[in-house]
Amino acid sequence: MKIHKHIFFVATAIIMLAGCVTWHQKYISVYNHFQSGNLEKADELLANDDKLKDGKNRILYLLDRGVLNHMLGNYEQSIEFFKEADIIIEDYKKKIGTEALVLISNPMARPYMPEDFEIVMINFYQSMNFIALGKWENALVECRRANIKLNELNDKYKDHKNRYQRDAFIHLLMGLIYDAQKDYNNAFIAYRNAFEIYESDYLKNFEVGVPEQLKYDIVRTAYKTGFFDEVQFYEDKFGIKYEAENPENGNLVFFWLNGLGPVKSEWGVTLTKMEDEFGMISFVNEEMDMNFAFPLESISDDDQSKLSDLSFTRIPFPKYSTRPPVYQQAWLQINDSIEYPVELSENINAIAFKVINDRMFRELGNTILRVAVKKAIENKVRDKDKNLGFLVGLVNTATEKADTRNWQTLPFSVSYSRISLPEGNHQLTLNTTGDKENNNYDLNVTIKKGVTYFKTFHTIDSYPYIP
């Protein structure tokens, strides 16, 4: 009886620890300060959180501090935070020691591994940090690393490959950096690659079309490189004409980071086991048209035995919930007169939903097996002691939960504008519009002849998410 009481208290403690609090709810004070624009306070709270900075969630600590320090203009510090996050990701890929623990608990037992698009966004912020410090080659290296990472990630997916296989925005950014350095040949190649991905992948999967500015930059850099056949081809394709920029001007590349990316919470799908005469065990959900099959010949006798204990099961999985941005559109007004559109170039929110949906189908088999292992343990204990088996079942239910951790200081989307401006000081107004609210932000920029300046502005304003 004393043993049962001890186990009961242990089970109660595990259930309490495993509760249904999401990552967002756990660190709500940090994110509230971030959303209210109190960046210093949000960074201070993170810096003083010893449990977060030293545990299995350190990478989220590093990512959030990287963003906050970038926004505060602490570019060197931001670089160091993101650099360490990159090292942890590479190190994690080499380790599998936590997988056994995951099998008897849940994915939150392992160190957090960022989603594929989160890994690429590290390189975006690093590029912007290096540009701010005038380290152009370093910025280009980050763009190249982002493309290499995506190739490596997708090479390991044999089934249910990501729809997010190439990042058009990273190619666009690479083109803008080459362009700023007057390397028009490489700028043209990068712009052309970006166009191809926008046209073939982004419009279909993420509802992001080809930015108009990109079309003009393709034609302009083709002309400056002497690719006159390409100039004619793209002029005809886009229905535009080459426009030479004033050689006395400089340029401004403006990035508008809008809103906040989605938040992870949990949902579940119930699957029913079905067996057929062809030696297959399938777990199906007819309402969602899901069918996940295990060929018996491909799995061990032990795993077959575990799967046989399941007649139906509820599989928890993370889902994203959108934080709708307050503003949907924006344009730049220069010196109270000329207006320039700021065009959508990266829909992080849409990419996130596609990535997690693709990942669900890849990981469903391992999740079913994890539930089966826990159920088999419960049944063996229950055969010997019903009360003890009940407690094990209670613990299994409590610990079978989704991983709701995610990088929550990312923007909802990124838009951009590339503008040729005369030398001198210019007053910029970013005009933002939404269904319920409009706002204007005054900015200043100093332009020099023949020099390209990059400027980033993040409007954090977002509506609350619905779990």
Protein backbone atom coordinates (compact mmCIF):
# COMPACT_ATOMS: atom_id res chain seq x y z
CA MET A 1 0.00 0.00 0.00
CA LYS A 2 2.87 2.34 0.84
CA ILE A 3 4.38 1.62 -2.56
CA HIS A 4 1.11 2.54 -4.22
CA LYS A 5 0.94 5.77 -2.28
CA HIS A 6 4.48 6.63 -3.30
CA ILE A 7 3.70 5.91 -6.95
CA PHE A 8 0.51 7.94 -6.67
CA PHE A 9 2.44 10.98 -5.47
CA VAL A 10 5.03 10.50 -8.22
CA ALA A 11 2.25 10.17 -10.79
CA THR A 12 0.56 13.31 -9.46
CA ALA A 13 3.82 15.24 -9.70
CA ILE A 14 4.40 14.08 -13.28
CA ILE A 15 0.86 15.03 -14.26
CA MET A 16 1.27 18.47 -12.76
CA LEU A 17 4.59 18.98 -14.54
CA ALA A 18 3.17 17.71 -17.81
CA GLY A 19 0.10 19.99 -17.60
CA CYS A 20 -1.41 21.68 -20.60
CA VAL A 21 0.47 24.98 -20.29
CA THR A 22 1.90 25.94 -23.68
CA TRP A 23 5.28 27.54 -24.22
CA HIS A 24 3.62 30.87 -25.00
CA GLN A 25 1.68 30.80 -21.74
CA LYS A 26 4.78 29.86 -19.76
CA TYR A 27 6.73 32.90 -20.98
CA ILE A 28 3.80 35.27 -21.41
CA SER A 29 5.49 38.06 -19.42
CA VAL A 30 8.44 38.13 -21.84
CA TYR A 31 6.19 38.19 -24.89
CA ASN A 32 3.88 40.82 -23.40
CA HIS A 33 6.82 43.19 -22.92
CA PHE A 34 8.03 42.39 -26.44
CA GLN A 35 4.62 43.11 -27.98
CA SER A 36 4.26 46.36 -26.05
CA GLY A 37 7.61 47.51 -27.46
CA ASN A 38 9.46 47.29 -24.14
CA LEU A 39 12.37 45.43 -25.70
CA GLU A 40 14.89 46.19 -22.94
CA LYS A 41 12.60 44.67 -20.29
CA ALA A 42 11.88 41.58 -22.39
CA ASP A 43 15.63 41.08 -22.92
CA GLU A 44 16.28 41.58 -19.20
CA LEU A 45 13.72 38.92 -18.24
CA LEU A 46 15.32 36.44 -20.61
CA ALA A 47 18.85 37.29 -19.43
CA ASN A 48 17.85 36.58 -15.82
CA ASP A 49 16.06 33.30 -16.51
CA ASP A 50 18.71 30.80 -15.40
CA LYS A 51 16.48 27.77 -16.02
CA LEU A 52 15.81 28.76 -19.62
CA LYS A 53 19.37 29.74 -20.53
CA ASP A 54 20.97 26.53 -19.23
CA GLY A 55 18.44 23.84 -20.08
CA LYS A 56 17.13 21.94 -23.09
CA ASN A 57 15.39 25.12 -24.24
CA ARG A 58 18.54 27.22 -24.46
CA ILE A 59 18.21 27.54 -28.20
CA LEU A 60 14.90 29.43 -27.79
CA TYR A 61 16.61 31.70 -25.28
CA LEU A 62 19.32 32.40 -27.86
CA LEU A 63 16.89 32.99 -30.74
CA ASP A 64 14.74 35.44 -28.79
CA ARG A 65 17.75 37.30 -27.45
CA GLY A 66 19.18 37.40 -30.97
CA VAL A 67 16.04 39.14 -32.26
CA LEU A 68 15.78 41.53 -29.32
CA ASN A 69 19.41 42.61 -29.59
CA HIS A 70 19.08 43.04 -33.35
CA MET A 71 16.09 45.32 -32.83
CA LEU A 72 17.95 47.22 -30.08
CA GLY A 73 20.86 47.82 -32.47
CA ASN A 74 23.23 45.56 -30.53
CA TYR A 75 24.38 43.82 -33.70
CA GLU A 76 27.58 42.25 -32.35
CA GLN A 77 25.68 40.69 -29.42
CA SER A 78 22.92 39.52 -31.75
CA ILE A 79 25.50 37.82 -33.96
CA GLU A 80 26.91 35.92 -30.99
CA PHE A 81 23.47 34.69 -29.86
CA PHE A 82 22.58 33.44 -33.33
CA LYS A 83 26.04 31.95 -33.84
CA GLU A 84 25.68 29.81 -30.73
CA ALA A 85 22.15 28.77 -31.81
CA ASP A 86 23.63 27.54 -35.09
CA ILE A 87 26.27 25.52 -33.23
CA ILE A 88 23.62 23.89 -31.01
CA ILE A 89 21.56 22.91 -34.07
CA GLU A 90 24.57 21.26 -35.72
CA ASP A 91 25.49 19.53 -32.48
CA TYR A 92 21.96 18.26 -31.94
CA LYS A 93 21.91 16.64 -35.37
CA LYS A 94 24.77 14.39 -34.20
CA LYS A 95 23.09 13.26 -30.98
CA ILE A 96 20.29 10.76 -30.51
CA GLY A 97 20.67 10.13 -26.77
CA THR A 98 17.31 11.62 -25.82
CA GLU A 99 15.26 9.49 -28.23
CA ALA A 100 14.73 6.65 -25.73
CA LEU A 101 13.34 9.12 -23.21
CA VAL A 102 11.03 10.52 -25.87
CA LEU A 103 9.63 7.04 -26.46
CA ILE A 104 8.34 6.81 -22.89
CA SER A 105 7.40 10.46 -22.39
CA ASN A 106 6.90 13.06 -25.15
CA PRO A 107 8.89 15.22 -27.61
CA MET A 108 9.39 17.97 -25.03
CA ALA A 109 11.86 15.65 -23.28
CA ARG A 110 14.39 16.40 -26.00
CA PRO A 111 16.22 19.70 -26.61
CA TYR A 112 14.21 21.98 -28.87
CA MET A 113 15.05 21.62 -32.56
CA PRO A 114 13.81 24.60 -34.62
CA GLU A 115 11.46 24.09 -37.54
CA ASP A 116 13.07 24.24 -40.98
CA PHE A 117 11.95 27.81 -41.69
CA GLU A 118 13.17 28.92 -38.24
CA ILE A 119 16.63 27.60 -39.08
CA VAL A 120 16.65 29.70 -42.27
CA MET A 121 15.45 32.82 -40.44
CA ILE A 122 18.58 32.68 -38.28
CA ASN A 123 20.57 33.37 -41.44
CA PHE A 124 18.26 36.24 -42.41
CA TYR A 125 18.87 38.01 -39.11
CA GLN A 126 22.57 37.29 -39.28
CA SER A 127 22.71 38.79 -42.79
CA MET A 128 20.99 41.94 -41.55
CA ASN A 129 23.37 42.13 -38.57
CA PHE A 130 26.42 41.89 -40.82
CA ILE A 131 25.01 44.44 -43.29
CA ALA A 132 24.47 46.87 -40.40
CA LEU A 133 28.16 46.43 -39.53
CA GLY A 134 29.26 46.84 -43.16
CA LYS A 135 30.43 43.22 -43.42
CA TRP A 136 28.98 42.45 -46.83
CA GLU A 137 30.81 39.20 -47.54
CA ASN A 138 29.69 37.80 -44.18
CA ALA A 139 26.12 38.72 -45.09
CA LEU A 140 26.43 36.82 -48.38
CA VAL A 141 27.86 33.79 -46.56
CA GLU A 142 24.73 33.68 -44.39
CA CYS A 143 22.50 33.62 -47.49
CA ARG A 144 24.54 30.79 -48.97
CA ARG A 145 24.39 28.87 -45.69
CA ALA A 146 20.59 29.22 -45.65
CA ASN A 147 20.36 27.59 -49.08
CA ILE A 148 22.76 24.80 -48.07
CA LYS A 149 20.74 24.13 -44.90
CA LEU A 150 17.49 23.81 -46.86
CA ASN A 151 19.08 21.39 -49.29
CA GLU A 152 20.44 19.27 -46.43
CA LEU A 153 17.12 19.27 -44.58
CA ASN A 154 15.13 18.19 -47.59
CA ASP A 155 17.64 15.54 -48.65
CA LYS A 156 16.93 13.64 -45.43
CA TYR A 157 13.17 13.54 -46.05
CA LYS A 158 12.57 10.40 -48.10
CA ASP A 159 8.80 10.59 -47.79
CA HIS A 160 6.44 13.55 -47.44
CA LYS A 161 9.00 16.12 -48.48
CA ASN A 162 8.47 19.72 -47.50
CA ARG A 163 6.67 22.08 -49.80
CA TYR A 164 9.16 24.55 -48.35
CA GLN A 165 12.24 23.30 -50.20
CA ARG A 166 13.64 26.58 -51.50
CA ASP A 167 13.45 30.09 -50.08
CA ALA A 168 12.78 32.77 -52.67
CA PHE A 169 13.33 35.58 -50.19
CA ILE A 170 16.85 34.42 -49.33
CA HIS A 171 17.74 34.46 -53.05
CA LEU A 172 16.18 37.93 -53.31
CA LEU A 173 18.22 39.12 -50.33
CA MET A 174 21.36 37.68 -51.90
CA GLY A 175 20.59 39.57 -55.10
CA LEU A 176 20.09 42.82 -53.19
CA ILE A 177 23.45 42.40 -51.43
CA TYR A 178 25.32 41.63 -54.68
CA ASP A 179 23.51 44.58 -56.28
CA ALA A 180 24.62 46.89 -53.46
CA GLN A 181 28.21 45.78 -54.09
CA LYS A 182 27.81 46.44 -57.84
CA ASP A 183 28.35 42.76 -58.64
CA TYR A 184 25.60 42.85 -61.25
CA ASN A 185 26.35 39.44 -62.75
CA ASN A 186 25.76 37.57 -59.48
CA ALA A 187 22.91 39.92 -58.61
CA PHE A 188 21.15 38.99 -61.86
CA ILE A 189 21.60 35.26 -61.18
CA ALA A 190 20.26 35.57 -57.63
CA TYR A 191 17.32 37.71 -58.75
CA ARG A 192 16.50 35.24 -61.52
CA ASN A 193 16.60 32.34 -59.03
CA ALA A 194 14.30 34.25 -56.70
CA PHE A 195 11.87 34.91 -59.54
CA GLU A 196 11.75 31.23 -60.52
CA ILE A 197 10.99 30.15 -56.95
CA TYR A 198 8.35 32.84 -56.44
CA GLU A 199 6.67 31.82 -59.69
CA SER A 200 6.82 28.04 -59.21
CA ASP A 201 6.74 27.48 -55.42
CA TYR A 202 5.64 30.56 -53.51
CA LEU A 203 2.53 31.51 -55.44
CA LYS A 204 1.15 27.96 -55.24
CA ASN A 205 2.15 27.10 -51.68
CA PHE A 206 2.34 30.37 -49.76
CA GLU A 207 0.21 32.83 -51.75
CA VAL A 208 3.14 35.13 -52.44
CA GLY A 209 3.56 36.30 -56.02
CA VAL A 210 6.57 37.85 -57.75
CA PRO A 211 7.26 41.35 -56.35
CA GLU A 212 7.08 43.99 -59.08
CA GLN A 213 10.36 45.53 -57.94
CA LEU A 214 12.11 42.21 -58.53
CA LYS A 215 11.04 42.26 -62.18
CA TYR A 216 12.63 45.68 -62.74
CA ASP A 217 15.81 44.62 -60.93
CA ILE A 218 16.13 41.51 -63.10
CA VAL A 219 15.96 43.62 -66.27
CA ARG A 220 18.28 46.31 -64.89
CA THR A 221 21.03 43.92 -63.73
CA ALA A 222 20.77 41.93 -66.98
CA TYR A 223 21.38 45.19 -68.87
CA LYS A 224 24.31 46.19 -66.65
CA THR A 225 25.85 42.74 -67.16
CA GLY A 226 25.48 42.96 -70.92
CA PHE A 227 22.96 40.12 -71.15
CA PHE A 228 20.91 41.90 -73.80
CA ASP A 229 19.07 38.77 -74.96
CA GLU A 230 17.89 38.29 -71.37
CA VAL A 231 16.90 41.96 -71.21
CA GLN A 232 14.66 41.48 -74.24
CA PHE A 233 13.29 38.18 -72.91
CA TYR A 234 12.31 39.55 -69.52
CA GLU A 235 11.01 42.84 -70.91
CA ASP A 236 8.63 40.84 -73.08
CA LYS A 237 7.76 38.43 -70.26
CA PHE A 238 7.04 41.15 -67.70
CA GLY A 239 5.64 43.76 -70.06
CA ILE A 240 8.11 46.41 -68.84
CA LYS A 241 11.05 48.38 -70.25
CA TYR A 242 14.55 48.85 -68.92
CA GLU A 243 14.81 51.98 -66.78
CA ALA A 244 18.28 53.34 -66.08
CA GLU A 245 18.76 54.72 -62.58
CA ASN A 246 20.26 58.18 -62.09
CA PRO A 247 24.04 57.65 -61.60
CA GLU A 248 24.05 60.57 -59.14
CA ASN A 249 21.65 58.74 -56.83
CA GLY A 250 22.14 56.22 -54.07
CA ASN A 251 19.71 53.48 -53.08
CA LEU A 252 17.63 52.46 -50.09
CA VAL A 253 16.56 48.86 -49.49
CA PHE A 254 13.77 48.93 -46.93
CA PHE A 255 12.47 45.81 -45.14
CA TRP A 256 9.14 45.98 -43.35
CA LEU A 257 8.80 43.18 -40.79
CA ASN A 258 5.10 43.04 -40.00
CA GLY A 259 3.29 41.54 -37.02
CA LEU A 260 4.27 38.36 -35.23
CA GLY A 261 4.56 34.77 -36.40
CA PRO A 262 2.21 32.03 -35.23
CA VAL A 263 2.09 30.38 -31.80
CA LYS A 264 2.16 26.63 -31.24
CA SER A 265 -0.57 24.90 -29.29
CA GLU A 266 -1.87 21.32 -29.30
CA TRP A 267 -4.51 19.36 -31.15
CA GLY A 268 -5.17 15.66 -31.51
CA VAL A 269 -6.35 13.20 -34.11
CA THR A 270 -7.98 9.88 -33.25
CA LEU A 271 -6.88 6.93 -35.38
CA THR A 272 -8.53 3.52 -35.58
CA LYS A 273 -6.50 0.36 -36.18
CA MET A 274 -7.39 -1.80 -39.16
CA GLU A 275 -5.72 -5.02 -40.37
CA ASP A 276 -5.96 -6.61 -43.80
CA GLU A 277 -5.07 -9.87 -45.48
CA PHE A 278 -1.97 -8.36 -47.08
CA GLY A 279 -0.05 -8.18 -43.81
CA MET A 280 -0.63 -4.51 -43.11
CA ILE A 281 -1.65 -2.74 -39.93
CA SER A 282 -3.18 0.63 -40.76
CA PHE A 283 -4.22 3.50 -38.53
CA VAL A 284 -6.91 5.53 -40.23
CA ASN A 285 -9.06 8.58 -39.74
CA GLU A 286 -11.69 8.62 -42.46
CA GLU A 287 -12.92 12.15 -41.68
CA MET A 288 -9.47 13.58 -42.37
CA ASP A 289 -8.69 11.06 -45.13
CA MET A 290 -5.62 9.85 -43.23
CA ASN A 291 -4.19 6.36 -43.58
CA PHE A 292 -0.86 5.40 -42.04
CA ALA A 293 0.14 1.82 -42.78
CA PHE A 294 2.75 -0.44 -41.16
CA PRO A 295 3.83 -3.39 -43.36
CA LEU A 296 4.26 -6.15 -40.79
CA GLU A 297 7.29 -7.58 -42.59
CA SER A 298 9.13 -4.28 -42.11
CA ILE A 299 8.82 -4.08 -38.32
CA SER A 300 10.08 -6.28 -35.51
CA ASP A 301 7.97 -8.86 -33.68
CA ASP A 302 8.26 -6.75 -30.55
CA ASP A 303 6.87 -3.66 -32.31
CA GLN A 304 4.10 -5.77 -33.89
CA SER A 305 3.12 -6.92 -30.42
CA LYS A 306 3.03 -3.34 -29.15
CA LEU A 307 0.93 -2.16 -32.08
CA SER A 308 -1.51 -5.03 -31.55
CA ASP A 309 -2.36 -3.56 -28.12
CA LEU A 310 -3.82 -0.49 -29.81
CA SER A 311 -7.37 -0.61 -31.14
CA PHE A 312 -7.67 3.13 -31.47
CA THR A 313 -5.51 5.96 -30.22
CA ARG A 314 -5.44 9.72 -29.96
CA ILE A 315 -2.25 11.23 -31.34
CA PRO A 316 -1.32 14.68 -30.01
CA PHE A 317 0.45 16.98 -32.42
CA PRO A 318 1.46 20.65 -32.36
CA LYS A 319 -0.56 23.09 -34.41
CA TYR A 320 0.03 26.71 -35.24
CA SER A 321 -2.40 29.47 -34.32
CA THR A 322 -2.16 32.71 -36.27
CA ARG A 323 -1.61 36.05 -34.59
CA PRO A 324 -3.27 38.27 -37.22
CA PRO A 325 -1.24 41.43 -37.86
CA VAL A 326 -2.99 44.75 -37.26
CA TYR A 327 -1.67 46.08 -40.58
CA GLN A 328 -2.06 44.38 -43.95
CA GLN A 329 -0.41 46.86 -46.31
CA ALA A 330 2.19 49.59 -46.27
CA TRP A 331 3.92 52.13 -48.48
CA LEU A 332 6.80 54.55 -48.08
CA GLN A 333 6.31 58.24 -48.60
CA ILE A 334 9.52 60.16 -49.33
CA ASN A 335 9.84 63.83 -48.38
CA ASP A 336 6.04 64.15 -48.10
CA SER A 337 5.52 63.54 -51.82
CA ILE A 338 6.64 60.44 -53.74
CA GLU A 339 5.06 57.14 -52.67
CA TYR A 340 6.61 53.71 -53.09
CA PRO A 341 4.87 50.37 -52.42
CA VAL A 342 6.32 47.94 -49.89
CA GLU A 343 5.76 44.49 -51.41
CA LEU A 344 5.27 41.15 -49.68
CA SER A 345 8.33 38.94 -50.16
CA GLU A 346 8.16 36.32 -47.36
CA ASN A 347 4.99 35.00 -45.70
CA ILE A 348 6.48 33.36 -42.61
CA ASN A 349 3.04 32.56 -41.21
CA ALA A 350 1.99 30.62 -44.33
CA ILE A 351 5.33 28.78 -44.52
CA ALA A 352 5.01 27.73 -40.86
CA PHE A 353 1.61 26.09 -41.43
CA LYS A 354 2.83 24.15 -44.47
CA VAL A 355 6.03 23.01 -42.75
CA ILE A 356 4.28 21.66 -39.66
CA ASN A 357 1.62 19.90 -41.75
CA ASP A 358 4.30 18.20 -43.86
CA ARG A 359 6.18 17.24 -40.70
CA MET A 360 3.08 15.67 -39.16
CA PHE A 361 2.80 13.10 -41.94
CA ARG A 362 6.52 12.31 -41.72
CA GLU A 363 6.45 11.79 -37.95
CA LEU A 364 3.10 10.09 -37.49
CA GLY A 365 4.63 6.61 -37.56
CA ASN A 366 7.07 7.33 -34.73
CA THR A 367 4.30 8.96 -32.71
CA ILE A 368 2.06 5.91 -33.07
CA LEU A 369 4.95 3.67 -32.00
CA ARG A 370 5.61 5.85 -28.95
CA VAL A 371 1.97 5.55 -27.88
CA ALA A 372 2.13 1.79 -28.49
CA VAL A 373 5.24 1.41 -26.28
CA LYS A 374 3.57 3.27 -23.44
CA LYS A 375 0.38 1.25 -23.84
CA ALA A 376 2.31 -2.04 -23.78
CA ILE A 377 4.03 -1.03 -20.53
CA GLU A 378 0.67 -0.09 -19.04
CA ASN A 379 -0.89 -3.45 -20.00
CA LYS A 380 1.99 -5.47 -18.53
CA VAL A 381 1.77 -3.58 -15.24
CA ARG A 382 -2.01 -3.84 -15.20
CA ASP A 383 -1.82 -7.65 -15.56
CA LYS A 384 0.16 -7.81 -12.34
CA ASP A 385 -1.54 -5.00 -10.41
CA LYS A 386 -4.71 -3.23 -11.56
CA ASN A 387 -4.20 -0.21 -9.30
CA LEU A 388 -0.63 0.23 -10.40
CA GLY A 389 -1.68 -0.22 -14.03
CA PHE A 390 -4.28 2.50 -13.57
CA LEU A 391 -1.62 4.90 -12.29
CA VAL A 392 0.69 4.08 -15.20
CA GLY A 393 -2.18 4.76 -17.59
CA LEU A 394 -2.79 8.07 -15.84
CA VAL A 395 0.84 9.04 -16.26
CA ASN A 396 0.83 7.93 -19.90
CA THR A 397 -2.17 10.11 -20.65
CA ALA A 398 -0.65 13.10 -18.89
CA THR A 399 2.73 12.82 -20.63
CA GLU A 400 1.39 12.16 -24.12
CA LYS A 401 1.41 15.73 -25.31
CA ALA A 402 2.67 17.75 -28.21
CA ASP A 403 5.74 19.95 -28.28
CA THR A 404 4.34 23.51 -28.19
CA ARG A 405 7.71 25.27 -28.16
CA ASN A 406 8.51 27.66 -30.98
CA TRP A 407 10.40 30.85 -31.87
CA GLN A 408 7.78 33.51 -31.10
CA THR A 409 9.61 36.78 -31.79
CA LEU A 410 9.63 36.16 -35.56
CA PRO A 411 7.51 38.46 -37.74
CA PHE A 412 4.32 37.38 -39.51
CA SER A 413 5.78 38.48 -42.86
CA VAL A 414 8.56 40.45 -44.53
CA SER A 415 7.96 43.02 -47.27
CA TYR A 416 10.46 45.21 -49.06
CA SER A 417 11.07 48.16 -51.35
CA ARG A 418 14.18 49.18 -53.27
CA ILE A 419 14.30 52.91 -53.99
CA SER A 420 16.73 55.13 -55.92
CA LEU A 421 17.14 58.47 -54.10
CA PRO A 422 19.19 61.64 -54.61
CA GLU A 423 22.12 62.27 -52.33
CA GLY A 424 21.20 63.96 -49.07
CA ASN A 425 18.94 63.64 -46.04
CA HIS A 426 15.45 62.27 -46.60
CA GLN A 427 12.41 62.06 -44.37
CA LEU A 428 10.55 58.78 -44.81
CA THR A 429 7.06 57.98 -43.62
CA LEU A 430 5.99 54.37 -43.42
CA ASN A 431 2.22 54.40 -43.87
CA THR A 432 0.53 51.21 -42.62
CA THR A 433 -3.10 50.29 -43.11
CA GLY A 434 -5.34 47.61 -41.62
CA ASP A 435 -9.00 46.72 -41.39
CA LYS A 436 -9.42 48.53 -38.06
CA GLU A 437 -6.36 50.73 -37.68
CA ASN A 438 -3.92 52.84 -39.67
CA ASN A 439 -0.62 54.28 -38.51
CA ASN A 440 2.34 56.33 -39.72
CA TYR A 441 5.98 56.02 -38.66
CA ASP A 442 8.52 58.76 -39.36
CA LEU A 443 12.02 57.62 -40.26
CA ASN A 444 15.12 59.37 -41.59
CA VAL A 445 17.85 58.23 -43.93
CA THR A 446 20.98 59.84 -45.33
CA ILE A 447 21.89 58.80 -48.88
CA LYS A 448 25.25 59.13 -50.61
CA LYS A 449 25.90 58.87 -54.33
CA GLY A 450 26.43 55.29 -55.52
CA VAL A 451 25.88 53.75 -52.08
CA THR A 452 23.07 51.36 -51.10
CA TYR A 453 21.68 51.51 -47.56
CA PHE A 454 19.61 48.80 -45.87
CA LYS A 455 17.01 49.69 -43.28
CA THR A 456 14.72 47.36 -41.30
CA PHE A 457 11.57 48.32 -39.39
CA HIS A 458 9.38 45.93 -37.39
CA THR A 459 5.76 46.79 -36.56
CA ILE A 460 4.93 44.28 -33.83
CA ASP A 461 1.23 45.13 -33.55
CA SER A 462 -0.82 41.90 -33.69
CA TYR A 463 -4.19 40.63 -32.54
CA PRO A 464 -4.30 37.82 -29.95
CA TYR A 465 -4.17 34.28 -31.26
CA ILE A 466 -7.02 31.83 -30.81
CA PRO A 467 -5.72 28.47 -29.47
